[in-house]
C-alpha atoms as a PDB file:
ATOM      1  CA  MET A   1     -28.058  -3.532  67.634  1.00  0.00           C
ATOM      2  CA  LYS A   2     -25.019  -5.674  69.004  1.00  0.00           C
ATOM      3  CA  LEU A   3     -24.215  -6.691  65.362  1.00  0.00           C
ATOM      4  CA  MET A   4     -23.781  -3.156  64.412  1.00  0.00           C
ATOM      5  CA  SER A   5     -21.595  -2.066  67.384  1.00  0.00           C
ATOM      6  CA  ILE A   6     -19.281  -4.878  66.630  1.00  0.00           C
ATOM      7  CA  HIS A   7     -18.733  -3.958  63.172  1.00  0.00           C
ATOM      8  CA  THR A   8     -18.421  -0.540  64.282  1.00  0.00           C
ATOM      9  CA  GLU A   9     -15.668  -1.308  67.021  1.00  0.00           C
ATOM     10  CA  THR A  10     -13.641  -3.335  64.493  1.00  0.00           C
ATOM     11  CA  LEU A  11     -13.614  -0.489  61.986  1.00  0.00           C
ATOM     12  CA  LEU A  12     -12.837   2.184  64.567  1.00  0.00           C
ATOM     13  CA  SER A  13     -10.183   0.187  65.923  1.00  0.00           C
ATOM     14  CA  LEU A  14      -8.221  -0.076  62.834  1.00  0.00           C
ATOM     15  CA  PRO A  15      -4.817   1.533  63.050  1.00  0.00           C
ATOM     16  CA  LYS A  16      -4.711   5.465  62.817  1.00  0.00           C
ATOM     17  CA  THR A  17      -2.666   5.670  59.218  1.00  0.00           C
ATOM     18  CA  ASN A  18      -2.990   8.636  56.918  1.00  0.00           C
ATOM     19  CA  ILE A  19      -4.997   7.112  53.632  1.00  0.00           C
ATOM     20  CA  PRO A  20      -4.212   8.689  50.444  1.00  0.00           C
ATOM     21  CA  MET A  21      -6.626  11.416  49.263  1.00  0.00           C
ATOM     22  CA  GLY A  22      -6.208  13.285  52.507  1.00  0.00           C
ATOM     23  CA  PHE A  23      -8.595  10.865  54.726  1.00  0.00           C
ATOM     24  CA  SER A  24      -7.644   9.826  58.105  1.00  0.00           C
ATOM     25  CA  SER A  25      -8.460   6.335  58.924  1.00  0.00           C
ATOM     26  CA  PHE A  26     -11.178   7.568  61.267  1.00  0.00           C
ATOM     27  CA  GLU A  27     -12.736   9.534  58.554  1.00  0.00           C
ATOM     28  CA  LEU A  28     -12.712   6.497  56.176  1.00  0.00           C
ATOM     29  CA  ASN A  29     -13.773   4.333  58.714  1.00  0.00           C
ATOM     30  CA  MET A  30     -16.892   6.670  59.417  1.00  0.00           C
ATOM     31  CA  ILE A  31     -17.416   6.934  55.447  1.00  0.00           C
ATOM     32  CA  LEU A  32     -17.382   2.846  55.326  1.00  0.00           C
ATOM     33  CA  ILE A  33     -20.246   2.993  58.001  1.00  0.00           C
ATOM     34  CA  VAL A  34     -22.278   5.331  56.450  1.00  0.00           C
ATOM     35  CA  LEU A  35     -21.979   3.729  53.151  1.00  0.00           C
ATOM     36  CA  ALA A  36     -22.847   0.064  55.029  1.00  0.00           C
ATOM     37  CA  MET A  37     -26.044   1.824  56.222  1.00  0.00           C
ATOM     38  CA  LEU A  38     -27.098   3.052  53.003  1.00  0.00           C
ATOM     39  CA  LEU A  39     -26.806  -0.292  51.726  1.00  0.00           C
ATOM     40  CA  VAL A  40     -28.713  -1.852  54.357  1.00  0.00           C
ATOM     41  CA  LEU A  41     -31.543   0.820  53.767  1.00  0.00           C
ATOM     42  CA  ALA A  42     -31.419   0.361  49.933  1.00  0.00           C
ATOM     43  CA  ALA A  43     -31.888  -3.592  50.160  1.00  0.00           C
ATOM     44  CA  PRO A  44     -35.249  -4.411  48.373  1.00  0.00           C
ATOM     45  CA  ALA A  45     -38.290  -4.329  49.591  1.00  0.00           C
ATOM     46  CA  LEU A  46     -40.269  -7.708  50.947  1.00  0.00           C
ATOM     47  CA  ALA A  47     -42.948  -7.085  48.800  1.00  0.00           C
ATOM     48  CA  GLN A  48     -43.294  -7.365  44.941  1.00  0.00           C
ATOM     49  CA  GLY A  49     -46.171  -4.960  44.428  1.00  0.00           C
ATOM     50  CA  PRO A  50     -48.446  -3.211  43.839  1.00  0.00           C
ATOM     51  CA  GLY A  51     -47.189  -2.653  40.296  1.00  0.00           C
ATOM     52  CA  TRP A  52     -46.159  -4.117  37.004  1.00  0.00           C
ATOM     53  CA  THR A  53     -43.717  -6.973  36.901  1.00  0.00           C
ATOM     54  CA  ALA A  54     -40.851  -6.934  34.475  1.00  0.00           C
ATOM     55  CA  ASN A  55     -41.245  -8.550  31.019  1.00  0.00           C
ATOM     56  CA  SER A  56     -41.266 -12.355  31.985  1.00  0.00           C
ATOM     57  CA  VAL A  57     -41.844 -16.064  30.762  1.00  0.00           C
ATOM     58  CA  VAL A  58     -44.429 -18.178  32.499  1.00  0.00           C
ATOM     59  CA  THR A  59     -42.603 -21.048  33.607  1.00  0.00           C
ATOM     60  CA  LYS A  60     -45.621 -22.775  35.406  1.00  0.00           C
ATOM     61  CA  LEU A  61     -49.178 -22.595  35.860  1.00  0.00           C
ATOM     62  CA  VAL A  62     -51.021 -24.184  38.645  1.00  0.00           C
ATOM     63  CA  VAL A  63     -55.102 -24.460  38.854  1.00  0.00           C
ATOM     64  CA  THR A  64     -55.956 -24.297  42.482  1.00  0.00           C
ATOM     65  CA  ALA A  65     -58.665 -26.649  44.060  1.00  0.00           C
ATOM     66  CA  ASP A  66     -60.723 -23.372  44.564  1.00  0.00           C
ATOM     67  CA  GLY A  67     -60.716 -22.517  40.849  1.00  0.00           C
ATOM     68  CA  GLY A  68     -57.791 -19.837  41.373  1.00  0.00           C
ATOM     69  CA  ILE A  69     -54.526 -20.144  39.361  1.00  0.00           C
ATOM     70  CA  ASN A  70     -51.106 -19.904  40.400  1.00  0.00           C
ATOM     71  CA  VAL A  71     -48.345 -18.723  37.962  1.00  0.00           C
ATOM     72  CA  ARG A  72     -44.684 -18.767  38.142  1.00  0.00           C
ATOM     73  CA  LEU A  73     -42.444 -16.378  35.986  1.00  0.00           C
ATOM     74  CA  SER A  74     -38.988 -16.075  35.040  1.00  0.00           C
ATOM     75  CA  PRO A  75     -37.141 -13.920  36.379  1.00  0.00           C
ATOM     76  CA  GLU A  76     -38.371 -15.344  39.515  1.00  0.00           C
ATOM     77  CA  LEU A  77     -40.693 -13.358  42.163  1.00  0.00           C
ATOM     78  CA  THR A  78     -40.292 -13.356  45.821  1.00  0.00           C
ATOM     79  CA  ASN A  79     -42.189 -12.959  48.836  1.00  0.00           C
ATOM     80  CA  CYS A  80     -45.749 -13.653  47.482  1.00  0.00           C
ATOM     81  CA  VAL A  81     -48.594 -14.916  49.398  1.00  0.00           C
ATOM     82  CA  SER A  82     -49.769 -17.550  46.880  1.00  0.00           C
ATOM     83  CA  ASN A  83     -53.221 -19.155  46.840  1.00  0.00           C
ATOM     84  CA  SER A  84     -53.372 -22.617  48.306  1.00  0.00           C
ATOM     85  CA  GLY A  85     -49.604 -22.361  49.938  1.00  0.00           C
ATOM     86  CA  TYR A  86     -47.825 -22.877  46.754  1.00  0.00           C
ATOM     87  CA  GLY A  87     -44.863 -20.798  47.848  1.00  0.00           C
ATOM     88  CA  PRO A  88     -43.242 -17.377  47.475  1.00  0.00           C
ATOM     89  CA  VAL A  89     -42.523 -17.789  44.183  1.00  0.00           C
ATOM     90  CA  PHE A  90     -45.852 -17.767  42.703  1.00  0.00           C
ATOM     91  CA  ALA A  91     -48.407 -14.810  41.830  1.00  0.00           C
ATOM     92  CA  SER A  92     -52.022 -15.572  42.122  1.00  0.00           C
ATOM     93  CA  VAL A  93     -55.143 -14.787  40.420  1.00  0.00           C
ATOM     94  CA  TYR A  94     -58.172 -15.781  42.707  1.00  0.00           C
ATOM     95  CA  PRO A  95     -61.468 -17.436  41.471  1.00  0.00           C
ATOM     96  CA  THR A  96     -63.271 -14.341  42.410  1.00  0.00           C
ATOM     97  CA  HIS A  97     -61.580 -12.050  39.689  1.00  0.00           C
ATOM     98  CA  PRO A  98     -63.985 -11.130  36.809  1.00  0.00           C
ATOM     99  CA  GLY A  99     -61.582 -11.908  34.150  1.00  0.00           C
ATOM    100  CA  ILE A 100     -59.915 -15.121  35.381  1.00  0.00           C
ATOM    101  CA  ASN A 101     -60.996 -17.284  32.510  1.00  0.00           C
ATOM    102  CA  LYS A 102     -59.370 -14.570  30.230  1.00  0.00           C
ATOM    103  CA  ILE A 103     -56.305 -14.228  32.068  1.00  0.00           C
ATOM    104  CA  LYS A 104     -56.005 -18.181  32.164  1.00  0.00           C
ATOM    105  CA  ALA A 105     -56.390 -18.347  28.465  1.00  0.00           C
ATOM    106  CA  ASP A 106     -53.530 -15.686  28.050  1.00  0.00           C
ATOM    107  CA  LEU A 107     -51.128 -17.486  30.474  1.00  0.00           C
ATOM    108  CA  LEU A 108     -52.055 -20.777  28.984  1.00  0.00           C
ATOM    109  CA  ALA A 109     -50.951 -19.170  25.443  1.00  0.00           C
ATOM    110  CA  ALA A 110     -47.895 -17.445  26.824  1.00  0.00           C
ATOM    111  CA  TYR A 111     -46.733 -20.836  28.524  1.00  0.00           C
ATOM    112  CA  LEU A 112     -47.475 -22.693  25.433  1.00  0.00           C
ATOM    113  CA  ASN A 113     -45.583 -20.417  23.015  1.00  0.00           C
ATOM    114  CA  GLY A 114     -43.031 -18.840  25.189  1.00  0.00           C
ATOM    115  CA  THR A 115     -44.606 -15.359  24.761  1.00  0.00           C
ATOM    116  CA  VAL A 116     -43.472 -12.505  27.440  1.00  0.00           C
ATOM    117  CA  VAL A 117     -46.067 -11.323  29.616  1.00  0.00           C
ATOM    118  CA  ALA A 118     -46.214  -8.304  32.118  1.00  0.00           C
ATOM    119  CA  LEU A 119     -48.489  -8.710  35.202  1.00  0.00           C
ATOM    120  CA  TYR A 120     -50.298  -6.052  37.422  1.00  0.00           C
ATOM    121  CA  PHE A 121     -50.113  -6.921  41.090  1.00  0.00           C
ATOM    122  CA  THR A 122     -52.862  -5.037  42.948  1.00  0.00           C
ATOM    123  CA  ASP A 123     -51.160  -5.530  46.402  1.00  0.00           C
ATOM    124  CA  SER A 124     -47.991  -6.870  48.004  1.00  0.00           C
ATOM    125  CA  SER A 125     -48.914 -10.312  48.074  1.00  0.00           C
ATOM    126  CA  CYS A 126     -48.676 -10.866  44.078  1.00  0.00           C
ATOM    127  CA  THR A 127     -52.400 -10.876  43.367  1.00  0.00           C
ATOM    128  CA  VAL A 128     -52.935 -10.310  39.787  1.00  0.00           C
ATOM    129  CA  GLY A 129     -55.071  -7.866  38.647  1.00  0.00           C
ATOM    130  CA  GLU A 130     -54.295  -7.567  34.989  1.00  0.00           C
ATOM    131  CA  MET A 131     -51.674  -8.872  32.340  1.00  0.00           C
ATOM    132  CA  ILE A 132     -50.332  -8.036  29.139  1.00  0.00           C
ATOM    133  CA  LEU A 133     -49.604 -10.695  26.791  1.00  0.00           C
ATOM    134  CA  GLY A 134     -46.433  -9.366  24.900  1.00  0.00           C
ATOM    135  CA  GLY A 135     -45.119  -7.549  27.459  1.00  0.00           C
ATOM    136  CA  TRP A 136     -44.013  -3.634  27.426  1.00  0.00           C
END
Protein backbone atom coordinates (compact mmCIF):
# COMPACT_ATOMS: atom_id res chain seq x y z
CA MET A 1 0.00 0.00 0.00
CA LYS A 2 1.98 2.93 -1.30
CA LEU A 3 -0.34 5.53 0.21
CA MET A 4 0.00 4.03 3.68
CA SER A 5 3.79 3.85 3.36
CA ILE A 6 3.95 7.54 2.42
CA HIS A 7 2.01 8.50 5.54
CA THR A 8 4.05 6.14 7.70
CA GLU A 9 7.33 7.59 6.40
CA THR A 10 6.05 11.13 6.96
CA LEU A 11 4.97 10.36 10.51
CA LEU A 12 8.17 8.52 11.35
CA SER A 13 10.32 11.37 10.03
CA LEU A 14 9.02 13.86 12.58
CA PRO A 15 11.69 15.24 14.93
CA LYS A 16 12.38 13.02 17.91
CA THR A 17 11.41 15.28 20.82
CA ASN A 18 9.86 14.34 24.10
CA ILE A 19 6.11 14.73 24.16
CA PRO A 20 4.25 15.45 27.41
CA MET A 21 2.95 12.38 29.28
CA GLY A 22 6.21 10.49 28.74
CA PHE A 23 5.76 9.40 25.10
CA SER A 24 8.65 9.78 22.68
CA SER A 25 7.73 11.10 19.24
CA PHE A 26 8.29 7.59 17.81
CA GLU A 27 5.81 6.09 20.30
CA LEU A 28 3.32 8.85 19.58
CA ASN A 29 3.72 8.25 15.84
CA MET A 30 3.06 4.54 16.30
CA ILE A 31 -0.05 5.31 18.35
CA LEU A 32 -1.28 7.66 15.60
CA ILE A 33 -0.68 5.00 12.94
CA VAL A 34 -2.62 2.39 14.93
CA LEU A 35 -5.47 4.84 15.51
CA ALA A 36 -5.58 5.69 11.79
CA MET A 37 -5.74 2.00 10.90
CA LEU A 38 -8.56 1.46 13.41
CA LEU A 39 -10.51 4.34 11.88
CA VAL A 40 -10.17 2.80 8.43
CA LEU A 41 -11.39 -0.55 9.76
CA ALA A 42 -14.32 1.14 11.52
CA ALA A 43 -15.61 2.79 8.32
CA PRO A 44 -19.26 2.04 7.60
CA ALA A 45 -20.09 -1.06 5.63
CA LEU A 46 -21.04 -0.67 1.99
CA ALA A 47 -24.34 -2.45 2.47
CA GLN A 48 -27.46 -1.20 4.25
CA GLY A 49 -28.85 -4.60 5.19
CA PRO A 50 -29.98 -7.09 6.09
CA GLY A 51 -31.75 -5.57 9.06
CA TRP A 52 -34.00 -2.70 10.09
CA THR A 53 -33.54 0.92 9.11
CA ALA A 54 -33.67 3.72 11.61
CA ASN A 55 -37.00 5.48 11.98
CA SER A 56 -37.32 7.31 8.66
CA VAL A 57 -39.61 9.57 6.66
CA VAL A 58 -40.64 8.60 3.11
CA THR A 59 -39.49 11.37 0.75
CA LYS A 60 -40.20 9.79 -2.65
CA LEU A 61 -42.10 6.81 -4.08
CA VAL A 62 -41.56 5.36 -7.55
CA VAL A 63 -43.73 2.71 -9.19
CA THR A 64 -41.44 0.93 -11.64
CA ALA A 65 -42.39 -0.43 -15.08
CA ASP A 66 -42.48 -4.01 -13.78
CA GLY A 67 -44.91 -3.09 -10.98
CA GLY A 68 -42.34 -2.81 -8.20
CA ILE A 69 -41.88 0.10 -5.81
CA ASN A 70 -38.78 2.13 -5.05
CA VAL A 71 -38.76 4.21 -1.90
CA ARG A 72 -36.43 7.01 -0.85
CA LEU A 73 -36.11 7.79 2.84
CA SER A 74 -34.74 10.46 5.11
CA PRO A 75 -32.20 9.88 6.53
CA GLU A 76 -30.82 8.82 3.15
CA LEU A 77 -29.86 5.25 2.32
CA THR A 78 -26.54 4.46 0.67
CA ASN A 79 -25.21 1.74 -1.60
CA CYS A 80 -28.56 0.17 -2.45
CA VAL A 81 -29.13 -1.64 -5.74
CA SER A 82 -32.56 -0.36 -6.67
CA ASN A 83 -35.06 -1.91 -9.06
CA SER A 84 -34.96 -0.32 -12.55
CA GLY A 85 -31.71 1.55 -11.83
CA TYR A 86 -32.98 4.45 -9.71
CA GLY A 87 -29.69 4.68 -7.85
CA PRO A 88 -28.12 3.90 -4.49
CA VAL A 89 -30.52 5.93 -2.32
CA PHE A 90 -33.65 3.92 -3.19
CA ALA A 91 -34.81 0.72 -1.47
CA SER A 92 -36.98 -1.64 -3.52
CA VAL A 93 -40.09 -3.72 -3.06
CA TYR A 94 -40.07 -6.17 -5.97
CA PRO A 95 -43.32 -7.07 -7.79
CA THR A 96 -42.96 -10.70 -6.69
CA HIS A 97 -43.29 -9.73 -2.98
CA PRO A 98 -46.50 -11.32 -1.63
CA GLY A 99 -47.40 -8.21 0.39
CA ILE A 100 -46.50 -5.56 -2.19
CA ASN A 101 -50.00 -4.00 -2.26
CA LYS A 102 -50.14 -3.65 1.53
CA ILE A 103 -46.60 -2.27 1.71
CA LYS A 104 -47.41 0.19 -1.10
CA ALA A 105 -50.54 1.37 0.74
CA ASP A 106 -48.60 1.87 3.99
CA LEU A 107 -45.74 3.67 2.22
CA LEU A 108 -48.21 5.97 0.46
CA ALA A 109 -49.99 6.75 3.74
CA ALA A 110 -46.64 7.48 5.39
CA TYR A 111 -45.59 9.69 2.46
CA LEU A 112 -48.83 11.71 2.49
CA ASN A 113 -48.95 12.14 6.27
CA GLY A 114 -45.24 12.42 7.07
CA THR A 115 -45.53 9.34 9.29
CA VAL A 116 -42.33 7.65 10.39
CA VAL A 117 -41.57 4.16 9.05
CA ALA A 118 -38.97 1.47 9.63
CA LEU A 119 -38.11 -0.91 6.79
CA TYR A 120 -36.60 -4.38 7.07
CA PHE A 121 -34.08 -5.18 4.33
CA THR A 122 -33.70 -8.86 3.52
CA ASP A 123 -30.31 -8.37 1.86
CA SER A 124 -27.49 -5.88 1.29
CA SER A 125 -29.21 -4.52 -1.85
CA CYS A 126 -31.96 -2.87 0.27
CA THR A 127 -34.72 -5.27 -0.79
CA VAL A 128 -37.69 -4.50 1.46
CA GLY A 129 -39.20 -7.52 3.18
CA GLU A 130 -41.28 -5.91 5.95
CA MET A 131 -42.16 -2.50 7.30
CA ILE A 132 -43.45 -0.87 10.46
CA LEU A 133 -45.78 2.07 9.98
CA GLY A 134 -45.11 4.46 12.84
CA GLY A 135 -41.51 3.28 13.32
CA TRP A 136 -40.06 1.83 16.45
